[in-house]
Amino acid sequence: MAGQFQATVVIDRYVDEVLAFLADGANDPSAARKDVDAFARCIETAVEAS
């Protein structure tokens, strides 16, 4: 379908480490808090499904 994009990224770190990195505004000051929350929901869903 036009206008859609899908990708998979494997991050070889514990979930807590990844979320702490994303939540730290010093790592990406332009990131919106809602992006971090959305990513956390994706991680939680993946963990529950495994």
Protein backbone atom coordinates (compact mmCIF):
# COMPACT_ATOMS: atom_id res chain seq x y z
CA MET A 1 0.00 0.00 0.00
CA ALA A 2 1.24 3.46 -0.79
CA GLY A 3 2.03 5.73 2.11
CA GLN A 4 2.78 2.98 4.62
CA PHE A 5 6.10 1.85 6.02
CA GLN A 6 6.98 -1.02 8.28
CA ALA A 7 10.31 -1.90 9.88
CA THR A 8 11.71 -4.14 12.58
CA VAL A 9 14.53 -3.08 14.87
CA VAL A 10 16.31 -5.43 17.27
CA ILE A 11 17.85 -3.71 20.29
CA ASP A 12 20.12 -6.00 22.29
CA ARG A 13 19.41 -4.37 25.65
CA TYR A 14 17.01 -4.93 28.53
CA VAL A 15 13.67 -3.16 28.12
CA ASP A 16 14.33 -0.99 31.19
CA GLU A 17 17.61 0.25 29.69
CA VAL A 18 15.96 1.16 26.39
CA LEU A 19 13.08 2.99 28.06
CA ALA A 20 15.46 4.87 30.36
CA PHE A 21 17.51 5.96 27.34
CA LEU A 22 14.42 7.14 25.47
CA ALA A 23 12.99 8.91 28.50
CA ASP A 24 16.21 10.88 29.02
CA GLY A 25 15.62 14.11 27.13
CA ALA A 26 19.37 14.64 26.77
CA ASN A 27 19.49 11.76 24.28
CA ASP A 28 16.96 13.34 21.91
CA PRO A 29 15.62 16.72 22.96
CA SER A 30 13.31 16.89 19.94
CA ALA A 31 11.44 13.69 20.86
CA ALA A 32 7.95 14.16 22.19
CA ARG A 33 6.92 12.35 25.38
CA LYS A 34 4.06 10.69 23.50
CA ASP A 35 6.61 8.92 21.28
CA VAL A 36 8.29 7.39 24.33
CA ASP A 37 4.92 6.30 25.72
CA ALA A 38 3.93 4.72 22.39
CA PHE A 39 7.24 2.85 22.23
CA ALA A 40 6.77 1.61 25.80
CA ARG A 41 3.33 0.24 24.90
CA CYS A 42 4.85 -1.60 21.91
CA ILE A 43 7.55 -3.15 24.13
CA GLU A 44 4.99 -4.20 26.73
CA THR A 45 2.83 -5.82 24.06
CA ALA A 46 5.83 -7.69 22.62
CA VAL A 47 6.89 -8.92 26.07
CA GLU A 48 3.37 -10.10 26.88
CA ALA A 49 3.12 -11.93 23.55
CA SER A 50 6.39 -13.83 24.07
